[in-house]
Amino acid sequence: MKFPIKQSKKSTKTALIFLDKNSKAMQSEKKVDIILSPSLYWFREELLPVKGASQAKKLAPSLFDAVIPEGTYSYLAQKNGDTFWLFAFNDAEIAKAISNAGLRVNQIQNIYFAQNECEKADKALKVNENFALVNNEGTISLLPLRYIAESMDAQTFFEMHKRSKHKISINLFQNTLVDEKQLNRLIAIAIVFIFIYLGAYLMQQQQFKKVLTQQHALNESYQLPQTSFQLKGLIKALESKQKRQLSLRSHLKKLFKLSLKKGEYIKKFDVNIKKYTLEIVLKDAKHAEGIKTQLQKSSKITSAKVKKKIFYVSGTYE
């Protein structure tokens, strides 16, 4: 998906691109500003027991737990009145979408979330013949155009409104070095996790908002200060949960960085904070020893055997 925007005389060398997971390759030599589709980030609006965006950002990984698939994410928090806007995004996934769109890293000037850039829209914004951006109770979503009664052209809207001050920073240079096969595996796993956790997410969202509402009511009733014991305990518990999640994600990252030969792949895996079990399809049974050596650098092997060119290996983290 893309739409060029007419530029003023002062910025004729800059184009505006709406970037989606399914954006097609384009030919452009201009500098570009990118507006990220909601398909490339996760968004939540929460009332939190903290004062600043930096504190809210520390809690973001725990708040997105069971909502987003396992992976390495960056987080952003913005103060929005009495609430915080929280974002989670996968740098590698965005870098891949940019590459698939035929854009070079040195072309990218600024990157924005559609959530910020479409906040003032009072109508659906048509981005192409099939989809439009819609403000659904404060959350910007991408919906099929056939479900929308009235819309305006997204290009026209963005010509009439300046970009927001909320730019995001992504390490595109690092992510261009990610192995394409590994990235494809992670994306496939992400899709599976989205379906698995969809039901849990809906329930968790309701329960978490209920807890925060009760906490807020207690604060108002008893005039508790922000540095009270109860608030510190809540923040400490969430940060502890975040630490466990980051540890697990670190283990997963190491497993998916295994050096496999062409045609080899991880058929099945079971991983938690303390141990893992893998089934790896081999092209050559002799390569099992090399994989075992890689795993021993960060874990203790408890079981390893090859059967019909499938390497069954288990271990614990040191």
C-alpha atoms as a PDB file:
ATOM      1  CA  MET A   1       0.000   0.000   0.000  1.00  0.00           C
ATOM      2  CA  LYS A   2       1.327   3.456  -0.811  1.00  0.00           C
ATOM      3  CA  PHE A   3       0.174   6.935  -1.577  1.00  0.00           C
ATOM      4  CA  PRO A   4       2.376   9.829  -2.692  1.00  0.00           C
ATOM      5  CA  ILE A   5       1.584  13.238  -1.244  1.00  0.00           C
ATOM      6  CA  LYS A   6       2.088  16.498  -3.049  1.00  0.00           C
ATOM      7  CA  GLN A   7       4.898  18.319  -1.351  1.00  0.00           C
ATOM      8  CA  SER A   8       5.452  22.011  -0.766  1.00  0.00           C
ATOM      9  CA  LYS A   9       8.231  23.759  -2.661  1.00  0.00           C
ATOM     10  CA  LYS A  10      10.446  23.454   0.405  1.00  0.00           C
ATOM     11  CA  SER A  11      10.174  19.654   0.498  1.00  0.00           C
ATOM     12  CA  THR A  12       9.787  18.481  -3.115  1.00  0.00           C
ATOM     13  CA  LYS A  13      12.287  15.657  -2.568  1.00  0.00           C
ATOM     14  CA  THR A  14      10.242  13.904   0.127  1.00  0.00           C
ATOM     15  CA  ALA A  15       7.404  11.432  -0.513  1.00  0.00           C
ATOM     16  CA  LEU A  16       4.929   9.947   1.966  1.00  0.00           C
ATOM     17  CA  ILE A  17       4.522   6.154   2.082  1.00  0.00           C
ATOM     18  CA  PHE A  18       1.839   4.180   3.924  1.00  0.00           C
ATOM     19  CA  LEU A  19       3.649   0.947   4.816  1.00  0.00           C
ATOM     20  CA  ASP A  20       1.739  -2.296   5.389  1.00  0.00           C
ATOM     21  CA  LYS A  21       2.804  -5.953   5.700  1.00  0.00           C
ATOM     22  CA  ASN A  22       1.457  -6.492   2.180  1.00  0.00           C
ATOM     23  CA  SER A  23       2.864  -3.348   0.558  1.00  0.00           C
ATOM     24  CA  LYS A  24       4.016  -4.010  -2.993  1.00  0.00           C
ATOM     25  CA  ALA A  25       7.437  -3.089  -4.349  1.00  0.00           C
ATOM     26  CA  MET A  26       7.698   0.436  -5.735  1.00  0.00           C
ATOM     27  CA  GLN A  27      10.220   2.440  -7.720  1.00  0.00           C
ATOM     28  CA  SER A  28      11.297   5.646  -5.986  1.00  0.00           C
ATOM     29  CA  GLU A  29      14.564   7.507  -5.593  1.00  0.00           C
ATOM     30  CA  LYS A  30      13.124  10.175  -3.254  1.00  0.00           C
ATOM     31  CA  LYS A  31      13.558  10.534   0.451  1.00  0.00           C
ATOM     32  CA  VAL A  32      10.448   9.161   2.149  1.00  0.00           C
ATOM     33  CA  ASP A  33       8.445   9.605   5.336  1.00  0.00           C
ATOM     34  CA  ILE A  34       6.729   6.374   6.391  1.00  0.00           C
ATOM     35  CA  ILE A  35       3.402   5.992   8.189  1.00  0.00           C
ATOM     36  CA  LEU A  36       3.226   2.503   9.697  1.00  0.00           C
ATOM     37  CA  SER A  37       0.036   0.509   9.238  1.00  0.00           C
ATOM     38  CA  PRO A  38      -1.572  -0.920  12.424  1.00  0.00           C
ATOM     39  CA  SER A  39      -0.533  -4.327  11.057  1.00  0.00           C
ATOM     40  CA  LEU A  40       3.086  -3.448  11.913  1.00  0.00           C
ATOM     41  CA  TYR A  41       2.666  -2.507  15.576  1.00  0.00           C
ATOM     42  CA  TRP A  42       0.564  -3.276  18.666  1.00  0.00           C
ATOM     43  CA  PHE A  43      -1.264  -0.538  20.583  1.00  0.00           C
ATOM     44  CA  ARG A  44      -2.848  -0.223  24.041  1.00  0.00           C
ATOM     45  CA  GLU A  45      -4.276   2.717  25.998  1.00  0.00           C
ATOM     46  CA  GLU A  46      -3.949   2.243  29.764  1.00  0.00           C
ATOM     47  CA  LEU A  47      -4.430   4.091  33.043  1.00  0.00           C
ATOM     48  CA  LEU A  48      -1.210   3.362  34.968  1.00  0.00           C
ATOM     49  CA  PRO A  49       0.007   4.115  38.508  1.00  0.00           C
ATOM     50  CA  VAL A  50       3.029   6.082  37.267  1.00  0.00           C
ATOM     51  CA  LYS A  51       3.685   9.723  36.435  1.00  0.00           C
ATOM     52  CA  GLY A  52       5.924   9.760  33.382  1.00  0.00           C
ATOM     53  CA  ALA A  53       6.272   8.047  29.998  1.00  0.00           C
ATOM     54  CA  SER A  54       9.668   6.601  30.943  1.00  0.00           C
ATOM     55  CA  GLN A  55       8.110   4.696  33.864  1.00  0.00           C
ATOM     56  CA  ALA A  56       5.195   3.571  31.701  1.00  0.00           C
ATOM     57  CA  LYS A  57       7.647   2.247  29.093  1.00  0.00           C
ATOM     58  CA  LYS A  58       9.209  -0.036  31.728  1.00  0.00           C
ATOM     59  CA  LEU A  59       5.802  -1.629  32.331  1.00  0.00           C
ATOM     60  CA  ALA A  60       4.937  -1.994  28.639  1.00  0.00           C
ATOM     61  CA  PRO A  61       6.485  -5.483  28.105  1.00  0.00           C
ATOM     62  CA  SER A  62       4.381  -6.950  30.932  1.00  0.00           C
ATOM     63  CA  LEU A  63       1.223  -5.225  29.708  1.00  0.00           C
ATOM     64  CA  PHE A  64       1.670  -6.738  26.242  1.00  0.00           C
ATOM     65  CA  ASP A  65       2.322 -10.202  27.692  1.00  0.00           C
ATOM     66  CA  ALA A  66      -0.026 -12.810  26.132  1.00  0.00           C
ATOM     67  CA  VAL A  67      -1.059 -10.194  23.546  1.00  0.00           C
ATOM     68  CA  ILE A  68       1.875 -10.303  21.154  1.00  0.00           C
ATOM     69  CA  PRO A  69       3.814 -13.361  19.960  1.00  0.00           C
ATOM     70  CA  GLU A  70       7.248 -14.177  21.361  1.00  0.00           C
ATOM     71  CA  GLY A  71      10.039 -12.154  19.810  1.00  0.00           C
ATOM     72  CA  THR A  72      12.350  -9.180  20.274  1.00  0.00           C
ATOM     73  CA  TYR A  73      10.349  -5.974  20.547  1.00  0.00           C
ATOM     74  CA  SER A  74      10.900  -2.276  21.048  1.00  0.00           C
ATOM     75  CA  TYR A  75       8.444  -0.315  23.186  1.00  0.00           C
ATOM     76  CA  LEU A  76       7.248   3.274  23.239  1.00  0.00           C
ATOM     77  CA  ALA A  77       5.044   5.120  25.761  1.00  0.00           C
ATOM     78  CA  GLN A  78       3.302   8.478  25.267  1.00  0.00           C
ATOM     79  CA  LYS A  79       1.407  10.501  27.855  1.00  0.00           C
ATOM     80  CA  ASN A  80      -2.127  11.180  26.594  1.00  0.00           C
ATOM     81  CA  GLY A  81      -4.172  13.119  29.145  1.00  0.00           C
ATOM     82  CA  ASP A  82      -4.843  10.861  32.142  1.00  0.00           C
ATOM     83  CA  THR A  83      -3.788   7.733  30.259  1.00  0.00           C
ATOM     84  CA  PHE A  84      -0.732   6.386  28.445  1.00  0.00           C
ATOM     85  CA  TRP A  85      -0.512   5.248  24.837  1.00  0.00           C
ATOM     86  CA  LEU A  86       1.704   2.157  24.667  1.00  0.00           C
ATOM     87  CA  PHE A  87       3.239   0.736  21.492  1.00  0.00           C
ATOM     88  CA  ALA A  88       5.117  -2.506  20.809  1.00  0.00           C
ATOM     89  CA  PHE A  89       6.844  -3.123  17.483  1.00  0.00           C
ATOM     90  CA  ASN A  90       9.267  -5.601  15.955  1.00  0.00           C
ATOM     91  CA  ASP A  91      12.167  -3.756  14.308  1.00  0.00           C
ATOM     92  CA  ALA A  92      13.040  -6.731  12.103  1.00  0.00           C
ATOM     93  CA  GLU A  93       9.466  -7.091  10.826  1.00  0.00           C
ATOM     94  CA  ILE A  94       9.297  -3.393   9.921  1.00  0.00           C
ATOM     95  CA  ALA A  95      12.721  -3.599   8.254  1.00  0.00           C
ATOM     96  CA  LYS A  96      11.491  -6.532   6.152  1.00  0.00           C
ATOM     97  CA  ALA A  97       8.347  -4.634   5.095  1.00  0.00           C
ATOM     98  CA  ILE A  98      10.539  -1.696   4.046  1.00  0.00           C
ATOM     99  CA  SER A  99      12.767  -4.029   2.032  1.00  0.00           C
ATOM    100  CA  ASN A 100       9.763  -5.743   0.391  1.00  0.00           C
ATOM    101  CA  ALA A 101       8.470  -2.317  -0.625  1.00  0.00           C
ATOM    102  CA  GLY A 102      11.678  -1.780  -2.601  1.00  0.00           C
ATOM    103  CA  LEU A 103      12.952   1.008  -0.335  1.00  0.00           C
ATOM    104  CA  ARG A 104      16.570   1.469   0.712  1.00  0.00           C
ATOM    105  CA  VAL A 105      17.615   2.281   4.263  1.00  0.00           C
ATOM    106  CA  ASN A 106      19.210   5.575   3.227  1.00  0.00           C
ATOM    107  CA  GLN A 107      15.877   6.728   1.737  1.00  0.00           C
ATOM    108  CA  ILE A 108      14.042   6.655   5.074  1.00  0.00           C
ATOM    109  CA  GLN A 109      13.727  10.108   6.618  1.00  0.00           C
ATOM    110  CA  ASN A 110      11.045   9.744   9.332  1.00  0.00           C
ATOM    111  CA  ILE A 111       8.780   6.953  10.601  1.00  0.00           C
ATOM    112  CA  TYR A 112       5.407   7.523  12.294  1.00  0.00           C
ATOM    113  CA  PHE A 113       2.573   5.395  13.718  1.00  0.00           C
ATOM    114  CA  ALA A 114      -0.817   5.641  12.000  1.00  0.00           C
ATOM    115  CA  GLN A 115      -2.270   5.887  15.537  1.00  0.00           C
ATOM    116  CA  ASN A 116      -0.744   9.377  15.953  1.00  0.00           C
ATOM    117  CA  GLU A 117      -1.113  10.625  12.381  1.00  0.00           C
ATOM    118  CA  CYS A 118      -4.824   9.714  12.076  1.00  0.00           C
ATOM    119  CA  GLU A 119      -5.933  10.866  15.539  1.00  0.00           C
ATOM    120  CA  LYS A 120      -7.756  13.923  14.143  1.00  0.00           C
ATOM    121  CA  ALA A 121      -9.594  12.030  11.413  1.00  0.00           C
ATOM    122  CA  ASP A 122     -13.387  12.140  11.841  1.00  0.00           C
ATOM    123  CA  LYS A 123     -13.957   9.847   8.857  1.00  0.00           C
ATOM    124  CA  ALA A 124     -12.429   6.632   7.571  1.00  0.00           C
ATOM    125  CA  LEU A 125      -9.299   7.254   5.468  1.00  0.00           C
ATOM    126  CA  LYS A 126      -9.183   5.280   2.225  1.00  0.00           C
ATOM    127  CA  VAL A 127      -5.607   4.074   1.567  1.00  0.00           C
ATOM    128  CA  ASN A 128      -6.374   1.981  -1.549  1.00  0.00           C
ATOM    129  CA  GLU A 129      -9.255   0.239  -3.310  1.00  0.00           C
ATOM    130  CA  ASN A 130      -9.582  -2.399  -0.599  1.00  0.00           C
ATOM    131  CA  PHE A 131      -8.720  -0.913   2.793  1.00  0.00           C
ATOM    132  CA  ALA A 132      -9.223   2.160   4.962  1.00  0.00           C
ATOM    133  CA  LEU A 133      -7.930   3.447   8.299  1.00  0.00           C
ATOM    134  CA  VAL A 134     -10.724   3.767  10.882  1.00  0.00           C
ATOM    135  CA  ASN A 135     -10.824   5.419  14.321  1.00  0.00           C
ATOM    136  CA  ASN A 136     -12.478   2.731  16.460  1.00  0.00           C
ATOM    137  CA  GLU A 137     -13.089   4.240  19.923  1.00  0.00           C
ATOM    138  CA  GLY A 138      -9.698   5.914  19.906  1.00  0.00           C
ATOM    139  CA  THR A 139      -7.755   3.070  18.289  1.00  0.00           C
ATOM    140  CA  ILE A 140      -6.745   3.372  14.630  1.00  0.00           C
ATOM    141  CA  SER A 141      -7.436   0.106  12.774  1.00  0.00           C
ATOM    142  CA  LEU A 142      -7.101  -1.085   9.202  1.00  0.00           C
ATOM    143  CA  LEU A 143     -10.431  -2.454   7.925  1.00  0.00           C
ATOM    144  CA  PRO A 144     -11.773  -3.706   4.568  1.00  0.00           C
ATOM    145  CA  LEU A 145     -13.367  -0.838   2.637  1.00  0.00           C
ATOM    146  CA  ARG A 146     -16.523  -2.876   1.951  1.00  0.00           C
ATOM    147  CA  TYR A 147     -17.523  -2.533   5.624  1.00  0.00           C
ATOM    148  CA  ILE A 148     -17.286   1.275   5.603  1.00  0.00           C
ATOM    149  CA  ALA A 149     -20.180   3.491   4.546  1.00  0.00           C
ATOM    150  CA  GLU A 150     -18.305   6.785   4.192  1.00  0.00           C
ATOM    151  CA  SER A 151     -14.620   7.625   3.762  1.00  0.00           C
ATOM    152  CA  MET A 152     -12.267  10.288   2.493  1.00  0.00           C
ATOM    153  CA  ASP A 153      -9.036   9.948   0.572  1.00  0.00           C
ATOM    154  CA  ALA A 154      -6.070   9.412   2.898  1.00  0.00           C
ATOM    155  CA  GLN A 155      -3.794  11.469   0.656  1.00  0.00           C
ATOM    156  CA  THR A 156      -6.110  14.467   0.926  1.00  0.00           C
ATOM    157  CA  PHE A 157      -6.255  14.146   4.714  1.00  0.00           C
ATOM    158  CA  PHE A 158      -2.478  14.050   5.113  1.00  0.00           C
ATOM    159  CA  GLU A 159      -2.031  17.027   2.776  1.00  0.00           C
ATOM    160  CA  MET A 160      -4.255  19.019   5.139  1.00  0.00           C
ATOM    161  CA  HIS A 161      -2.537  17.989   8.400  1.00  0.00           C
ATOM    162  CA  LYS A 162       1.044  18.320   9.581  1.00  0.00           C
ATOM    163  CA  ARG A 163       2.905  15.295  10.870  1.00  0.00           C
ATOM    164  CA  SER A 164       2.807  14.757  14.635  1.00  0.00           C
ATOM    165  CA  LYS A 165       5.863  15.226  16.855  1.00  0.00           C
ATOM    166  CA  HIS A 166       5.909  11.488  17.654  1.00  0.00           C
ATOM    167  CA  LYS A 167       8.586   9.963  15.429  1.00  0.00           C
ATOM    168  CA  ILE A 168       9.975   6.517  16.147  1.00  0.00           C
ATOM    169  CA  SER A 169      13.523   5.238  15.885  1.00  0.00           C
ATOM    170  CA  ILE A 170      14.276   1.822  14.366  1.00  0.00           C
ATOM    171  CA  ASN A 171      17.692   0.211  13.906  1.00  0.00           C
ATOM    172  CA  LEU A 172      17.212  -0.543  10.201  1.00  0.00           C
ATOM    173  CA  PHE A 173      20.914  -1.108   9.512  1.00  0.00           C
ATOM    174  CA  GLN A 174      21.153  -3.933  12.040  1.00  0.00           C
ATOM    175  CA  ASN A 175      17.966  -5.602  10.899  1.00  0.00           C
ATOM    176  CA  THR A 176      18.993  -5.654   7.235  1.00  0.00           C
ATOM    177  CA  LEU A 177      21.563  -8.266   8.322  1.00  0.00           C
ATOM    178  CA  VAL A 178      18.918 -10.650   9.722  1.00  0.00           C
ATOM    179  CA  ASP A 179      18.835 -13.985   7.900  1.00  0.00           C
ATOM    180  CA  GLU A 180      15.740 -14.051   5.678  1.00  0.00           C
ATOM    181  CA  LYS A 181      14.895 -17.672   6.473  1.00  0.00           C
ATOM    182  CA  GLN A 182      15.077 -17.045  10.226  1.00  0.00           C
ATOM    183  CA  LEU A 183      12.851 -13.985   9.867  1.00  0.00           C
ATOM    184  CA  ASN A 184      10.295 -15.981   7.872  1.00  0.00           C
ATOM    185  CA  ARG A 185      10.204 -18.616  10.618  1.00  0.00           C
ATOM    186  CA  LEU A 186       9.626 -15.964  13.279  1.00  0.00           C
ATOM    187  CA  ILE A 187       6.827 -14.358  11.279  1.00  0.00           C
ATOM    188  CA  ALA A 188       5.135 -17.752  10.803  1.00  0.00           C
ATOM    189  CA  ILE A 189       5.376 -18.426  14.544  1.00  0.00           C
ATOM    190  CA  ALA A 190       4.014 -14.936  15.264  1.00  0.00           C
ATOM    191  CA  ILE A 191       0.900 -15.643  13.202  1.00  0.00           C
ATOM    192  CA  VAL A 192       0.319 -18.882  15.136  1.00  0.00           C
ATOM    193  CA  PHE A 193       0.718 -17.114  18.483  1.00  0.00           C
ATOM    194  CA  ILE A 194      -1.722 -14.382  17.472  1.00  0.00           C
ATOM    195  CA  PHE A 195      -4.490 -16.956  17.039  1.00  0.00           C
ATOM    196  CA  ILE A 196      -3.514 -18.870  20.194  1.00  0.00           C
ATOM    197  CA  TYR A 197      -3.529 -15.807  22.425  1.00  0.00           C
ATOM    198  CA  LEU A 198      -6.483 -13.965  20.898  1.00  0.00           C
ATOM    199  CA  GLY A 199      -9.014 -15.412  23.355  1.00  0.00           C
ATOM    200  CA  ALA A 200      -6.663 -14.974  26.313  1.00  0.00           C
ATOM    201  CA  TYR A 201      -5.987 -11.380  25.284  1.00  0.00           C
ATOM    202  CA  LEU A 202      -9.657 -10.374  25.351  1.00  0.00           C
ATOM    203  CA  MET A 203     -10.140 -11.843  28.824  1.00  0.00           C
ATOM    204  CA  GLN A 204      -6.874 -10.432  30.162  1.00  0.00           C
ATOM    205  CA  GLN A 205      -7.668  -6.957  28.853  1.00  0.00           C
ATOM    206  CA  GLN A 206     -10.960  -6.842  30.751  1.00  0.00           C
ATOM    207  CA  GLN A 207      -9.439  -8.224  33.967  1.00  0.00           C
ATOM    208  CA  PHE A 208      -6.442  -5.892  33.895  1.00  0.00           C
ATOM    209  CA  LYS A 209      -8.574  -2.793  33.333  1.00  0.00           C
ATOM    210  CA  LYS A 210     -10.793  -3.874  36.246  1.00  0.00           C
ATOM    211  CA  VAL A 211      -7.749  -4.179  38.542  1.00  0.00           C
ATOM    212  CA  LEU A 212      -6.411  -0.782  37.489  1.00  0.00           C
ATOM    213  CA  THR A 213      -9.835   0.807  38.025  1.00  0.00           C
ATOM    214  CA  GLN A 214     -10.014  -0.644  41.538  1.00  0.00           C
ATOM    215  CA  GLN A 215      -6.465   0.546  42.273  1.00  0.00           C
ATOM    216  CA  HIS A 216      -7.331   4.036  41.052  1.00  0.00           C
ATOM    217  CA  ALA A 217     -10.477   4.083  43.232  1.00  0.00           C
ATOM    218  CA  LEU A 218      -8.396   3.148  46.304  1.00  0.00           C
ATOM    219  CA  ASN A 219      -5.917   5.907  45.568  1.00  0.00           C
ATOM    220  CA  GLU A 220      -8.726   8.462  45.276  1.00  0.00           C
ATOM    221  CA  SER A 221     -10.566   7.242  48.407  1.00  0.00           C
ATOM    222  CA  TYR A 222      -7.537   7.119  50.701  1.00  0.00           C
ATOM    223  CA  GLN A 223      -5.454   9.826  49.010  1.00  0.00           C
ATOM    224  CA  LEU A 224      -2.520   7.453  48.603  1.00  0.00           C
ATOM    225  CA  PRO A 225       0.655   9.142  47.295  1.00  0.00           C
ATOM    226  CA  GLN A 226       2.382   7.850  44.178  1.00  0.00           C
ATOM    227  CA  THR A 227       5.249   6.526  46.320  1.00  0.00           C
ATOM    228  CA  SER A 228       3.000   4.406  48.571  1.00  0.00           C
ATOM    229  CA  PHE A 229       3.896   0.830  49.475  1.00  0.00           C
ATOM    230  CA  GLN A 230       1.032  -0.579  47.410  1.00  0.00           C
ATOM    231  CA  LEU A 231       2.085   1.189  44.221  1.00  0.00           C
ATOM    232  CA  LYS A 232       5.730   0.241  44.665  1.00  0.00           C
ATOM    233  CA  GLY A 233       4.707  -3.394  45.165  1.00  0.00           C
ATOM    234  CA  LEU A 234       2.643  -3.388  41.965  1.00  0.00           C
ATOM    235  CA  ILE A 235       5.464  -1.891  39.916  1.00  0.00           C
ATOM    236  CA  LYS A 236       8.007  -4.321  41.406  1.00  0.00           C
ATOM    237  CA  ALA A 237       5.793  -7.316  40.534  1.00  0.00           C
ATOM    238  CA  LEU A 238       5.310  -6.151  36.956  1.00  0.00           C
ATOM    239  CA  GLU A 239       9.030  -5.459  36.497  1.00  0.00           C
ATOM    240  CA  SER A 240       9.825  -8.956  37.846  1.00  0.00           C
ATOM    241  CA  LYS A 241       7.436 -10.480  35.331  1.00  0.00           C
ATOM    242  CA  GLN A 242       9.060  -8.406  32.601  1.00  0.00           C
ATOM    243  CA  LYS A 243      12.499  -9.752  33.588  1.00  0.00           C
ATOM    244  CA  ARG A 244      11.265 -13.359  33.234  1.00  0.00           C
ATOM    245  CA  GLN A 245       9.740 -12.613  29.852  1.00  0.00           C
ATOM    246  CA  LEU A 246      12.917 -10.946  28.574  1.00  0.00           C
ATOM    247  CA  SER A 247      14.971 -13.943  29.757  1.00  0.00           C
ATOM    248  CA  LEU A 248      12.718 -16.342  27.842  1.00  0.00           C
ATOM    249  CA  ARG A 249      12.872 -14.180  24.719  1.00  0.00           C
ATOM    250  CA  SER A 250      16.671 -14.138  24.991  1.00  0.00           C
ATOM    251  CA  HIS A 251      16.723 -17.962  25.040  1.00  0.00           C
ATOM    252  CA  LEU A 252      14.449 -18.118  21.987  1.00  0.00           C
ATOM    253  CA  LYS A 253      16.669 -15.668  20.126  1.00  0.00           C
ATOM    254  CA  LYS A 254      19.722 -17.889  20.704  1.00  0.00           C
ATOM    255  CA  LEU A 255      17.874 -20.997  19.467  1.00  0.00           C
ATOM    256  CA  PHE A 256      16.739 -19.298  16.271  1.00  0.00           C
ATOM    257  CA  LYS A 257      20.294 -18.113  15.604  1.00  0.00           C
ATOM    258  CA  LEU A 258      21.523 -21.698  15.229  1.00  0.00           C
ATOM    259  CA  SER A 259      23.622 -22.093  12.094  1.00  0.00           C
ATOM    260  CA  LEU A 260      21.667 -24.599  10.000  1.00  0.00           C
ATOM    261  CA  LYS A 261      22.535 -25.853   6.527  1.00  0.00           C
ATOM    262  CA  LYS A 262      20.321 -25.254   3.507  1.00  0.00           C
ATOM    263  CA  GLY A 263      17.308 -27.540   3.764  1.00  0.00           C
ATOM    264  CA  GLU A 264      17.589 -27.944   7.569  1.00  0.00           C
ATOM    265  CA  TYR A 265      14.985 -26.495   9.907  1.00  0.00           C
ATOM    266  CA  ILE A 266      13.545 -26.681  13.433  1.00  0.00           C
ATOM    267  CA  LYS A 267      10.556 -29.013  13.243  1.00  0.00           C
ATOM    268  CA  LYS A 268       9.388 -28.702  16.834  1.00  0.00           C
ATOM    269  CA  PHE A 269      10.459 -26.888  19.979  1.00  0.00           C
ATOM    270  CA  ASP A 270       9.444 -26.559  23.614  1.00  0.00           C
ATOM    271  CA  VAL A 271      11.155 -23.782  25.558  1.00  0.00           C
ATOM    272  CA  ASN A 272      10.799 -22.234  29.000  1.00  0.00           C
ATOM    273  CA  ILE A 273      13.056 -20.174  31.257  1.00  0.00           C
ATOM    274  CA  LYS A 274      14.948 -23.239  32.585  1.00  0.00           C
ATOM    275  CA  LYS A 275      15.098 -25.810  29.763  1.00  0.00           C
ATOM    276  CA  TYR A 276      14.369 -26.571  26.119  1.00  0.00           C
ATOM    277  CA  THR A 277      13.642 -29.500  23.793  1.00  0.00           C
ATOM    278  CA  LEU A 278      14.245 -29.343  20.028  1.00  0.00           C
ATOM    279  CA  GLU A 279      13.569 -31.557  17.004  1.00  0.00           C
ATOM    280  CA  ILE A 280      15.746 -30.471  14.067  1.00  0.00           C
ATOM    281  CA  VAL A 281      15.434 -31.942  10.578  1.00  0.00           C
ATOM    282  CA  LEU A 282      18.955 -32.507   9.238  1.00  0.00           C
ATOM    283  CA  LYS A 283      20.273 -32.736   5.713  1.00  0.00           C
ATOM    284  CA  ASP A 284      23.296 -34.655   6.950  1.00  0.00           C
ATOM    285  CA  ALA A 285      23.169 -36.609  10.235  1.00  0.00           C
ATOM    286  CA  LYS A 286      26.817 -35.686  10.887  1.00  0.00           C
ATOM    287  CA  HIS A 287      25.837 -32.041  11.278  1.00  0.00           C
ATOM    288  CA  ALA A 288      24.139 -32.909  14.599  1.00  0.00           C
ATOM    289  CA  GLU A 289      27.511 -32.710  16.331  1.00  0.00           C
ATOM    290  CA  GLY A 290      28.073 -29.168  15.052  1.00  0.00           C
ATOM    291  CA  ILE A 291      24.632 -28.058  16.258  1.00  0.00           C
ATOM    292  CA  LYS A 292      25.306 -29.668  19.630  1.00  0.00           C
ATOM    293  CA  THR A 293      28.555 -27.700  19.926  1.00  0.00           C
ATOM    294  CA  GLN A 294      26.655 -24.452  19.250  1.00  0.00           C
ATOM    295  CA  LEU A 295      24.061 -25.240  21.922  1.00  0.00           C
ATOM    296  CA  GLN A 296      26.741 -26.089  24.508  1.00  0.00           C
ATOM    297  CA  LYS A 297      28.016 -22.492  24.374  1.00  0.00           C
ATOM    298  CA  SER A 298      24.926 -21.269  26.264  1.00  0.00           C
ATOM    299  CA  SER A 299      23.360 -24.398  27.782  1.00  0.00           C
ATOM    300  CA  LYS A 300      24.016 -27.824  29.257  1.00  0.00           C
ATOM    301  CA  ILE A 301      22.951 -30.721  27.004  1.00  0.00           C
ATOM    302  CA  THR A 302      20.946 -33.371  28.871  1.00  0.00           C
ATOM    303  CA  SER A 303      19.919 -35.547  25.921  1.00  0.00           C
ATOM    304  CA  ALA A 304      20.984 -35.772  22.269  1.00  0.00           C
ATOM    305  CA  LYS A 305      20.271 -38.421  19.622  1.00  0.00           C
ATOM    306  CA  VAL A 306      19.720 -38.676  15.868  1.00  0.00           C
ATOM    307  CA  LYS A 307      17.002 -40.866  14.363  1.00  0.00           C
ATOM    308  CA  LYS A 308      16.126 -40.906  10.659  1.00  0.00           C
ATOM    309  CA  LYS A 309      17.939 -37.580  10.140  1.00  0.00           C
ATOM    310  CA  ILE A 310      15.993 -35.897  12.943  1.00  0.00           C
ATOM    311  CA  PHE A 311      18.119 -34.553  15.789  1.00  0.00           C
ATOM    312  CA  TYR A 312      16.360 -34.830  19.151  1.00  0.00           C
ATOM    313  CA  VAL A 313      18.143 -32.657  21.709  1.00  0.00           C
ATOM    314  CA  SER A 314      17.276 -31.339  25.196  1.00  0.00           C
ATOM    315  CA  GLY A 315      19.162 -29.067  27.542  1.00  0.00           C
ATOM    316  CA  THR A 316      19.065 -26.703  30.481  1.00  0.00           C
ATOM    317  CA  TYR A 317      20.254 -23.077  30.598  1.00  0.00           C
ATOM    318  CA  GLU A 318      23.390 -22.303  32.548  1.00  0.00           C
END
